[in-house]
Amino acid sequence: MKKRGINVAALAIACVFVVTIIVFSACIYSDYESGVKAASAKFEKLSSRAAEASGIFPSGSREFLNMFNSAVGSPEVFESIKLEIEGQEAYAFPAQAAETRSAFVKSFSTRIVGGDGADIRISANIYAVPPALVFYRAKIAFIVILAGTLTAVALLMYLYLNAAHDGEEDVDFKNTNVDDDFGESLLDEDEAEKEDVPEKSPEETSESQESGEEKEGAQEESAEGAGEGQSQENKVDFNPLENAYADQQAELPEAQDGGEENTIAQSQGQGLFSPTSGFGWESYLDTRLESELIRAASSEQDLSLAIIKIPNMTKESPYYGNICQALLDYFQFKDFVFEYKEDGFAAIVQGKDVDQTLHSAEILHSNLKGVLAETGGDAKPLIGISSRSLRLISAERLKNEAEQALLHAAEDPESPIIAFRVNPEKYRKYISGQSEEAAE
């Protein structure tokens, strides 16, 4: 939309330039046509007055010259005037005539026989378009073109700043390819492990723990209110985005990998979020991911899924609350973060492709390492990433790709972040094979 607006503005500026030049040329041409007629009339009047003066006063006398000068009037309309009597110069303006003549000047010449029989010759160069008028027209055109030029410069600066902002990269990565069935995974080497993790003061740690406890208490109160028969709209007051899929609670899919307890808890009216982590139940992940994939496909946007695993972590771990708080601080919206098995979380990342998500995951990984270092945890976070990559893909397939990337990250201790990159050619062949099997 922005590009279309800039193209329209650029076309409008070009049209202004062209119209300004055309109007300026047309005005000068019109002034010249009318100026030629005015110059001819001016010279005829001057000749007539000179003939009249020669009939009253002797040619070349002071009285004659005064009457001739009065007939000349304002000399600004003349480029030059010359009066000769019997071959002798009697009047000249200016004293030294210019060597080159303007393109807007008309030349006139005539011969008069005075009342005393003297031979009088008058020659004049008269402006058809006065220089003052040309300057005025050019000034107006210059102001209009200058305004258009400044507007074009402003648009170019706007494009440059936007391109520079979009091209920013937070972290540089080194990737190696790992073959899969029809895709390739990207290996990200954790270069940030060598950097010192900033330490928080005891006061800041205690404040974060207190805020986490307050949020857990608020979630438990919401769950209790739901059990007393409150409506769905009054039960949850976390974020307006939750209402987009609140009606899906009655049709929850079966939980996987031992998630029966989550399903039972939801059926008892504990809301959309787990009171322990504050994030969505794992059984909501497939439903919400499928909905977001459909939305991304309709708007031709990308979407990524990141699965975060903290090995050996449980909900009773001393650092579990701090990990949840770090994830909430990073993703901002709890609607797109879900519990995933006992030791992990899954996050839906909107509007980012696999490379952008990979770059962001490096920052998240560093944050999680800092939290674990503060609380004395020795686990190393693992992150597996997969992206829609403009494919029409199911939620189950996208989740499987992210899980495969997570398995690769677990197998290589030096590469805690793995991104699954699709090979378009292999993926097309895979889709074609699936279509042929379905047709048979």
Protein backbone atom coordinates (compact mmCIF):
# COMPACT_ATOMS: atom_id res chain seq x y z
CA MET A 1 0.00 0.00 0.00
CA LYS A 2 2.87 2.36 0.84
CA LYS A 3 4.64 1.54 -2.40
CA ARG A 4 1.50 2.27 -4.38
CA GLY A 5 1.08 5.63 -2.62
CA ILE A 6 4.68 6.58 -3.35
CA ASN A 7 4.30 5.64 -7.02
CA VAL A 8 1.18 7.79 -7.28
CA ALA A 9 2.98 10.70 -5.59
CA ALA A 10 6.00 10.36 -7.91
CA LEU A 11 3.70 10.33 -10.97
CA ALA A 12 1.90 13.41 -9.66
CA ILE A 13 5.22 15.25 -9.20
CA ALA A 14 6.33 14.34 -12.73
CA CYS A 15 3.01 15.62 -14.06
CA VAL A 16 3.51 18.88 -12.14
CA PHE A 17 6.94 19.31 -13.77
CA VAL A 18 5.59 18.70 -17.26
CA VAL A 19 2.53 20.91 -16.78
CA THR A 20 4.69 23.72 -15.35
CA ILE A 21 7.01 23.68 -18.36
CA ILE A 22 4.08 23.57 -20.79
CA VAL A 23 2.27 26.44 -19.06
CA PHE A 24 5.46 28.54 -18.91
CA SER A 25 6.14 28.00 -22.63
CA ALA A 26 2.53 28.74 -23.55
CA CYS A 27 2.51 31.98 -21.54
CA ILE A 28 5.76 33.19 -23.12
CA TYR A 29 4.46 32.36 -26.60
CA SER A 30 1.21 34.20 -25.94
CA ASP A 31 3.10 37.20 -24.57
CA TYR A 32 5.33 37.23 -27.65
CA GLU A 33 2.42 37.13 -30.09
CA SER A 34 0.68 40.05 -28.41
CA GLY A 35 4.00 41.86 -27.86
CA VAL A 36 4.84 41.84 -31.58
CA LYS A 37 1.62 43.71 -32.37
CA ALA A 38 2.21 46.16 -29.52
CA ALA A 39 5.80 46.78 -30.69
CA SER A 40 4.65 47.52 -34.25
CA ALA A 41 2.04 49.98 -33.00
CA LYS A 42 4.63 51.62 -30.73
CA PHE A 43 7.05 52.19 -33.62
CA GLU A 44 4.34 53.56 -35.91
CA LYS A 45 3.35 56.04 -33.22
CA LEU A 46 6.98 57.06 -32.76
CA SER A 47 7.44 57.61 -36.52
CA SER A 48 4.25 59.63 -36.69
CA ARG A 49 5.32 61.91 -33.86
CA ALA A 50 8.77 62.39 -35.43
CA ALA A 51 7.17 63.43 -38.74
CA GLU A 52 4.86 65.82 -36.87
CA ALA A 53 7.79 67.37 -34.97
CA SER A 54 9.82 67.89 -38.17
CA GLY A 55 6.93 69.82 -39.66
CA ILE A 56 6.81 72.22 -36.71
CA PHE A 57 10.48 72.62 -35.79
CA PRO A 58 13.67 72.45 -37.88
CA SER A 59 15.05 68.96 -38.03
CA GLY A 60 17.81 68.48 -35.49
CA SER A 61 16.83 71.48 -33.38
CA ARG A 62 16.54 71.27 -29.60
CA GLU A 63 12.75 71.58 -29.77
CA PHE A 64 12.57 68.79 -32.32
CA LEU A 65 14.71 66.47 -30.19
CA ASN A 66 12.68 67.26 -27.04
CA MET A 67 9.45 66.42 -28.86
CA PHE A 68 11.02 63.21 -30.20
CA ASN A 69 12.25 62.21 -26.74
CA SER A 70 8.75 62.82 -25.36
CA ALA A 71 7.36 60.50 -28.05
CA VAL A 72 9.84 57.80 -27.01
CA GLY A 73 8.42 57.86 -23.45
CA SER A 74 9.64 54.98 -21.23
CA PRO A 75 12.82 53.60 -22.81
CA GLU A 76 12.49 50.20 -21.00
CA VAL A 77 10.41 48.80 -23.88
CA PHE A 78 13.24 49.57 -26.32
CA GLU A 79 16.40 47.60 -26.62
CA SER A 80 17.86 50.38 -28.77
CA ILE A 81 16.74 53.53 -30.69
CA LYS A 82 18.69 55.46 -33.28
CA LEU A 83 17.75 58.77 -35.02
CA GLU A 84 19.82 60.02 -37.97
CA ILE A 85 19.34 63.36 -39.77
CA GLU A 86 21.12 63.75 -43.08
CA GLY A 87 23.33 60.77 -42.17
CA GLN A 88 24.37 62.30 -38.85
CA GLU A 89 23.41 60.61 -35.56
CA ALA A 90 21.16 62.97 -33.62
CA TYR A 91 19.71 60.60 -30.94
CA ALA A 92 20.81 57.19 -29.64
CA PHE A 93 19.63 54.95 -26.79
CA PRO A 94 21.56 53.43 -25.19
CA ALA A 95 24.83 55.18 -25.85
CA GLN A 96 26.46 51.84 -26.77
CA ALA A 97 24.17 49.32 -28.41
CA ALA A 98 24.45 45.64 -27.40
CA GLU A 99 26.36 43.37 -29.77
CA THR A 100 23.84 40.52 -29.54
CA ARG A 101 20.12 40.90 -29.86
CA SER A 102 17.54 39.18 -27.66
CA ALA A 103 15.25 36.53 -29.15
CA PHE A 104 12.24 38.50 -27.89
CA VAL A 105 13.11 41.70 -29.80
CA LYS A 106 11.53 42.98 -33.06
CA SER A 107 13.48 45.37 -35.31
CA PHE A 108 11.86 48.31 -37.14
CA SER A 109 13.22 50.96 -39.50
CA THR A 110 11.71 53.88 -41.49
CA ARG A 111 12.66 57.01 -43.51
CA ILE A 112 10.91 60.37 -43.17
CA VAL A 113 11.28 63.58 -45.18
CA GLY A 114 11.10 66.50 -42.77
CA GLY A 115 9.13 69.71 -43.28
CA ASP A 116 12.39 71.45 -44.15
CA GLY A 117 13.30 68.68 -46.61
CA ALA A 118 15.78 66.95 -44.28
CA ASP A 119 16.35 63.20 -44.64
CA ILE A 120 15.35 61.58 -41.32
CA ARG A 121 15.97 57.87 -40.59
CA ILE A 122 14.61 56.10 -37.49
CA SER A 123 15.58 52.54 -36.45
CA ALA A 124 14.49 50.78 -33.25
CA ASN A 125 14.68 47.37 -31.60
CA ILE A 126 11.56 46.93 -29.42
CA TYR A 127 10.95 44.15 -26.89
CA ALA A 128 8.03 41.93 -27.83
CA VAL A 129 8.34 40.34 -24.37
CA PRO A 130 9.97 42.62 -21.77
CA PRO A 131 12.73 41.01 -19.62
CA ALA A 132 10.78 41.85 -16.46
CA LEU A 133 7.84 39.77 -17.70
CA VAL A 134 10.12 36.84 -18.64
CA PHE A 135 11.69 36.98 -15.17
CA TYR A 136 8.28 36.98 -13.49
CA ARG A 137 7.08 33.96 -15.48
CA ALA A 138 10.34 32.07 -14.83
CA LYS A 139 10.17 32.84 -11.09
CA ILE A 140 6.70 31.30 -10.77
CA ALA A 141 7.77 28.19 -12.70
CA PHE A 142 10.92 27.87 -10.57
CA ILE A 143 8.92 28.00 -7.31
CA VAL A 144 6.56 25.26 -8.52
CA ILE A 145 9.40 23.01 -9.72
CA LEU A 146 11.36 23.61 -6.50
CA ALA A 147 8.36 22.52 -4.43
CA GLY A 148 8.04 19.34 -6.52
CA THR A 149 11.78 18.64 -6.19
CA LEU A 150 11.68 19.01 -2.40
CA THR A 151 8.69 16.67 -2.27
CA ALA A 152 10.60 14.10 -4.34
CA VAL A 153 13.61 14.38 -2.00
CA ALA A 154 11.33 13.83 1.00
CA LEU A 155 9.89 10.68 -0.62
CA LEU A 156 13.37 9.35 -1.38
CA MET A 157 14.44 9.93 2.23
CA TYR A 158 11.30 8.14 3.41
CA LEU A 159 12.09 5.13 1.19
CA TYR A 160 15.71 5.08 2.32
CA LEU A 161 14.85 5.17 6.02
CA ASN A 162 12.22 2.43 5.62
CA ALA A 163 14.64 0.22 3.68
CA ALA A 164 17.32 0.77 6.32
CA HIS A 165 14.86 -0.07 9.12
CA ASP A 166 13.60 -3.24 7.41
CA GLY A 167 17.16 -4.38 6.68
CA GLU A 168 18.32 -4.17 10.29
CA GLU A 169 19.62 -7.40 11.76
CA ASP A 170 20.01 -7.85 15.49
CA VAL A 171 22.52 -10.72 15.41
CA ASP A 172 24.71 -12.41 12.79
CA PHE A 173 24.50 -16.20 12.50
CA LYS A 174 26.57 -19.00 10.99
CA ASN A 175 24.44 -21.85 9.67
CA THR A 176 25.21 -25.34 8.38
CA ASN A 177 22.76 -27.53 6.49
CA VAL A 178 21.38 -30.81 7.84
CA ASP A 179 19.42 -32.99 5.36
CA ASP A 180 15.85 -34.09 6.15
CA ASP A 181 13.21 -36.09 4.23
CA PHE A 182 12.23 -33.17 1.99
CA GLY A 183 13.78 -30.19 3.75
CA GLU A 184 17.00 -28.84 5.14
CA SER A 185 17.60 -27.60 8.69
CA LEU A 186 19.79 -24.70 9.61
CA LEU A 187 22.29 -25.00 12.43
CA ASP A 188 22.92 -21.95 14.54
CA GLU A 189 26.12 -21.96 16.57
CA ASP A 190 25.68 -20.38 19.96
CA GLU A 191 28.30 -17.63 19.88
CA ALA A 192 26.65 -15.82 22.80
CA GLU A 193 27.75 -18.50 25.32
CA LYS A 194 31.09 -16.73 25.70
CA GLU A 195 29.48 -13.43 26.68
CA ASP A 196 28.96 -12.53 30.30
CA VAL A 197 25.36 -12.75 31.49
CA PRO A 198 24.22 -9.59 33.32
CA GLU A 199 23.38 -10.26 36.94
CA LYS A 200 20.27 -8.94 38.65
CA SER A 201 20.34 -7.56 42.16
CA PRO A 202 18.54 -9.51 44.94
CA GLU A 203 15.95 -6.74 45.11
CA GLU A 204 15.10 -7.09 41.39
CA THR A 205 14.87 -10.90 41.73
CA SER A 206 12.52 -10.68 44.67
CA GLU A 207 10.35 -8.11 42.85
CA SER A 208 10.02 -10.37 39.79
CA GLN A 209 9.09 -13.34 42.00
CA GLU A 210 6.48 -11.28 43.85
CA SER A 211 4.94 -10.11 40.55
CA GLY A 212 4.82 -13.74 39.35
CA GLU A 213 3.07 -14.80 42.52
CA GLU A 214 0.53 -11.97 42.17
CA LYS A 215 -0.26 -13.03 38.58
CA GLU A 216 -0.66 -16.69 39.62
CA GLY A 217 -3.05 -15.62 42.40
CA ALA A 218 -5.13 -13.59 39.92
CA GLN A 219 -5.35 -16.59 37.57
CA GLU A 220 -6.47 -18.91 40.40
CA GLU A 221 -9.21 -16.44 41.39
CA SER A 222 -10.39 -16.33 37.75
CA ALA A 223 -10.51 -20.16 37.67
CA GLU A 224 -12.53 -20.32 40.90
CA GLY A 225 -15.01 -17.76 39.54
CA ALA A 226 -15.44 -19.87 36.43
CA GLY A 227 -16.33 -22.93 38.53
CA GLU A 228 -19.21 -21.04 40.12
CA GLY A 229 -21.00 -20.76 36.78
CA GLN A 230 -19.82 -17.39 35.45
CA SER A 231 -20.09 -16.81 31.70
CA GLN A 232 -17.10 -17.27 29.39
CA GLU A 233 -16.77 -13.51 28.82
CA ASN A 234 -16.51 -12.82 32.58
CA LYS A 235 -14.14 -15.71 33.30
CA VAL A 236 -11.16 -14.42 31.30
CA ASP A 237 -9.91 -10.85 31.24
CA PHE A 238 -6.39 -11.19 29.99
CA ASN A 239 -6.33 -10.02 26.38
CA PRO A 240 -8.94 -9.22 23.70
CA LEU A 241 -7.29 -11.73 21.36
CA GLU A 242 -8.45 -14.57 23.60
CA ASN A 243 -12.07 -14.08 22.51
CA ALA A 244 -11.07 -14.99 18.94
CA TYR A 245 -10.87 -18.62 19.90
CA ALA A 246 -12.84 -18.80 23.18
CA ASP A 247 -15.70 -20.60 21.43
CA GLN A 248 -13.30 -23.46 20.59
CA GLN A 249 -13.02 -24.55 24.23
CA ALA A 250 -16.01 -26.91 23.94
CA GLU A 251 -14.33 -28.79 21.05
CA LEU A 252 -10.83 -29.29 22.39
CA PRO A 253 -8.69 -31.93 20.67
CA GLU A 254 -7.30 -34.81 22.68
CA ALA A 255 -4.12 -33.94 24.58
CA GLN A 256 -0.93 -35.63 23.49
CA ASP A 257 1.99 -37.10 25.42
CA GLY A 258 0.27 -37.47 28.78
CA GLY A 259 -1.76 -34.26 28.62
CA GLU A 260 -4.97 -35.85 29.99
CA GLU A 261 -4.65 -33.85 33.19
CA ASN A 262 -4.77 -30.57 31.22
CA THR A 263 -7.91 -31.70 29.38
CA ILE A 264 -9.63 -32.66 32.64
CA ALA A 265 -8.69 -29.36 34.23
CA GLN A 266 -10.14 -27.43 31.27
CA SER A 267 -13.36 -29.43 31.35
CA GLN A 268 -13.74 -28.38 34.99
CA GLY A 269 -13.74 -24.73 33.92
CA GLN A 270 -10.19 -23.52 34.59
CA GLY A 271 -10.19 -21.18 31.54
CA LEU A 272 -7.91 -20.80 28.55
CA PHE A 273 -4.63 -20.46 30.44
CA SER A 274 -2.73 -22.69 32.80
CA PRO A 275 -2.63 -21.20 36.31
CA THR A 276 0.90 -22.52 36.75
CA SER A 277 2.61 -20.87 33.76
CA GLY A 278 0.02 -18.30 32.70
CA PHE A 279 0.24 -19.58 29.09
CA GLY A 280 -2.24 -21.55 26.96
CA TRP A 281 -2.87 -25.23 27.54
CA GLU A 282 -0.97 -27.59 25.25
CA SER A 283 -4.24 -28.99 23.92
CA TYR A 284 -5.08 -25.54 22.49
CA LEU A 285 -1.91 -25.40 20.39
CA ASP A 286 -3.11 -27.34 17.34
CA THR A 287 -6.42 -25.47 17.15
CA ARG A 288 -4.87 -22.04 17.47
CA LEU A 289 -1.96 -22.85 15.15
CA GLU A 290 -4.36 -24.10 12.45
CA SER A 291 -6.40 -20.89 12.78
CA GLU A 292 -3.29 -18.67 12.51
CA LEU A 293 -2.02 -20.63 9.49
CA ILE A 294 -5.32 -20.01 7.68
CA ARG A 295 -5.15 -16.32 8.55
CA ALA A 296 -1.52 -16.05 7.38
CA ALA A 297 -2.33 -17.80 4.10
CA SER A 298 -5.27 -15.48 3.42
CA SER A 299 -3.11 -12.38 3.96
CA GLU A 300 -0.05 -13.88 2.20
CA GLN A 301 2.11 -13.51 5.30
CA ASP A 302 4.65 -15.84 6.82
CA LEU A 303 4.35 -17.56 10.18
CA SER A 304 6.81 -19.54 12.29
CA LEU A 305 6.55 -21.97 15.17
CA ALA A 306 9.28 -22.11 17.83
CA ILE A 307 9.42 -24.96 20.34
CA ILE A 308 11.51 -24.18 23.44
CA LYS A 309 12.75 -27.06 25.59
CA ILE A 310 14.48 -26.82 28.98
CA PRO A 311 15.81 -30.35 29.65
CA ASN A 312 14.88 -31.83 33.03
CA MET A 313 12.63 -28.88 33.86
CA THR A 314 9.36 -29.51 35.72
CA LYS A 315 6.65 -27.20 36.96
CA GLU A 316 8.09 -27.62 40.45
CA SER A 317 11.57 -26.45 39.38
CA PRO A 318 12.70 -23.32 41.29
CA TYR A 319 13.36 -21.48 38.04
CA TYR A 320 10.07 -22.43 36.31
CA GLY A 321 8.33 -19.16 37.21
CA ASN A 322 11.32 -17.06 36.10
CA ILE A 323 11.43 -18.90 32.76
CA CYS A 324 7.72 -18.18 32.20
CA GLN A 325 8.24 -14.52 33.06
CA ALA A 326 11.18 -14.27 30.62
CA LEU A 327 9.03 -15.77 27.84
CA LEU A 328 6.17 -13.36 28.60
CA ASP A 329 8.55 -10.38 28.60
CA TYR A 330 9.91 -11.44 25.21
CA PHE A 331 6.70 -12.41 23.36
CA GLN A 332 4.49 -9.80 25.14
CA PHE A 333 1.24 -11.69 24.35
CA LYS A 334 0.47 -14.90 26.25
CA ASP A 335 -2.13 -15.77 23.59
CA PHE A 336 0.62 -17.09 21.30
CA VAL A 337 2.62 -19.07 23.88
CA PHE A 338 1.56 -22.56 25.03
CA GLU A 339 2.82 -25.15 27.45
CA TYR A 340 4.49 -27.99 25.57
CA LYS A 341 4.98 -31.28 27.35
CA GLU A 342 6.49 -31.12 30.84
CA ASP A 343 9.71 -29.35 29.99
CA GLY A 344 8.92 -26.92 27.22
CA PHE A 345 6.83 -24.26 25.55
CA ALA A 346 5.64 -23.55 22.00
CA ALA A 347 5.35 -20.02 20.57
CA ILE A 348 3.57 -18.89 17.40
CA VAL A 349 5.55 -16.08 15.73
CA GLN A 350 3.47 -14.02 13.28
CA GLY A 351 4.82 -12.17 10.25
CA LYS A 352 8.37 -13.58 10.42
CA ASP A 353 10.07 -16.08 8.13
CA VAL A 354 12.52 -18.73 9.25
CA ASP A 355 15.57 -16.45 9.05
CA GLN A 356 13.96 -13.63 11.04
CA THR A 357 12.73 -16.07 13.68
CA LEU A 358 16.17 -17.65 13.85
CA HIS A 359 17.70 -14.25 14.57
CA SER A 360 15.12 -13.51 17.26
CA ALA A 361 15.64 -16.94 18.82
CA GLU A 362 19.26 -16.08 19.54
CA ILE A 363 18.16 -13.19 21.77
CA LEU A 364 15.56 -15.37 23.49
CA HIS A 365 18.12 -18.12 24.06
CA SER A 366 20.49 -15.64 25.68
CA ASN A 367 17.69 -14.38 27.96
CA LEU A 368 16.79 -17.91 29.06
CA LYS A 369 20.45 -18.73 29.77
CA GLY A 370 20.64 -15.62 31.95
CA VAL A 371 17.58 -16.69 33.95
CA LEU A 372 18.97 -20.18 34.48
CA ALA A 373 22.34 -18.78 35.54
CA GLU A 374 20.68 -16.53 38.13
CA THR A 375 18.64 -19.34 39.67
CA GLY A 376 21.45 -21.89 39.66
CA GLY A 377 19.99 -24.08 36.93
CA ASP A 378 22.50 -26.01 34.82
CA ALA A 379 20.13 -26.92 31.96
CA LYS A 380 20.83 -25.61 28.46
CA PRO A 381 17.79 -24.31 26.57
CA LEU A 382 17.04 -25.86 23.17
CA ILE A 383 14.97 -24.23 20.41
CA GLY A 384 13.53 -25.84 17.27
CA ILE A 385 12.03 -23.61 14.56
CA SER A 386 9.89 -24.21 11.49
CA SER A 387 8.18 -21.73 9.17
CA ARG A 388 5.20 -21.79 6.83
CA SER A 389 7.46 -20.41 4.06
CA LEU A 390 4.37 -19.40 2.05
CA ARG A 391 3.22 -23.04 1.90
CA LEU A 392 -0.30 -24.33 2.41
CA ILE A 393 0.67 -26.52 5.34
CA SER A 394 -1.24 -28.08 8.23
CA ALA A 395 -0.61 -27.32 11.87
CA GLU A 396 0.43 -30.95 12.46
CA ARG A 397 3.04 -30.83 9.71
CA LEU A 398 4.50 -27.51 10.93
CA LYS A 399 4.70 -28.84 14.48
CA ASN A 400 6.41 -32.05 13.31
CA GLU A 401 9.04 -30.01 11.46
CA ALA A 402 9.74 -27.92 14.56
CA GLU A 403 10.03 -31.11 16.64
CA GLN A 404 12.51 -32.57 14.16
CA ALA A 405 14.57 -29.39 14.39
CA LEU A 406 14.42 -29.64 18.19
CA LEU A 407 15.70 -33.25 18.03
CA HIS A 408 18.67 -32.11 15.94
CA ALA A 409 19.40 -29.40 18.51
CA ALA A 410 19.32 -31.97 21.33
CA GLU A 411 21.73 -34.28 19.46
CA ASP A 412 24.30 -31.53 18.89
CA PRO A 413 25.26 -29.91 22.23
CA GLU A 414 27.16 -27.13 20.46
CA SER A 415 24.12 -26.00 18.45
CA PRO A 416 21.18 -25.28 20.76
CA ILE A 417 19.11 -23.56 18.04
CA ILE A 418 18.05 -25.36 14.86
CA ALA A 419 15.79 -23.96 12.14
CA PHE A 420 14.04 -26.22 9.63
CA ARG A 421 14.41 -24.80 6.11
CA VAL A 422 12.22 -26.18 3.33
CA ASN A 423 13.69 -27.29 0.02
CA PRO A 424 11.03 -26.06 -2.47
CA GLU A 425 11.82 -28.67 -5.13
CA LYS A 426 11.67 -31.61 -2.72
CA TYR A 427 8.54 -30.20 -1.11
CA ARG A 428 6.76 -29.93 -4.50
CA LYS A 429 7.70 -33.53 -5.27
CA TYR A 430 6.40 -34.60 -1.87
CA ILE A 431 3.07 -32.80 -2.44
CA SER A 432 2.78 -34.29 -5.94
CA GLY A 433 3.35 -37.79 -4.53
CA GLN A 434 0.72 -37.26 -1.87
CA SER A 435 -1.79 -36.07 -4.51
CA GLU A 436 -1.14 -39.11 -6.73
CA GLU A 437 -1.60 -41.49 -3.80
CA ALA A 438 -4.88 -39.79 -2.88
CA ALA A 439 -6.10 -40.05 -6.50
CA GLU A 440 -5.33 -43.80 -6.63
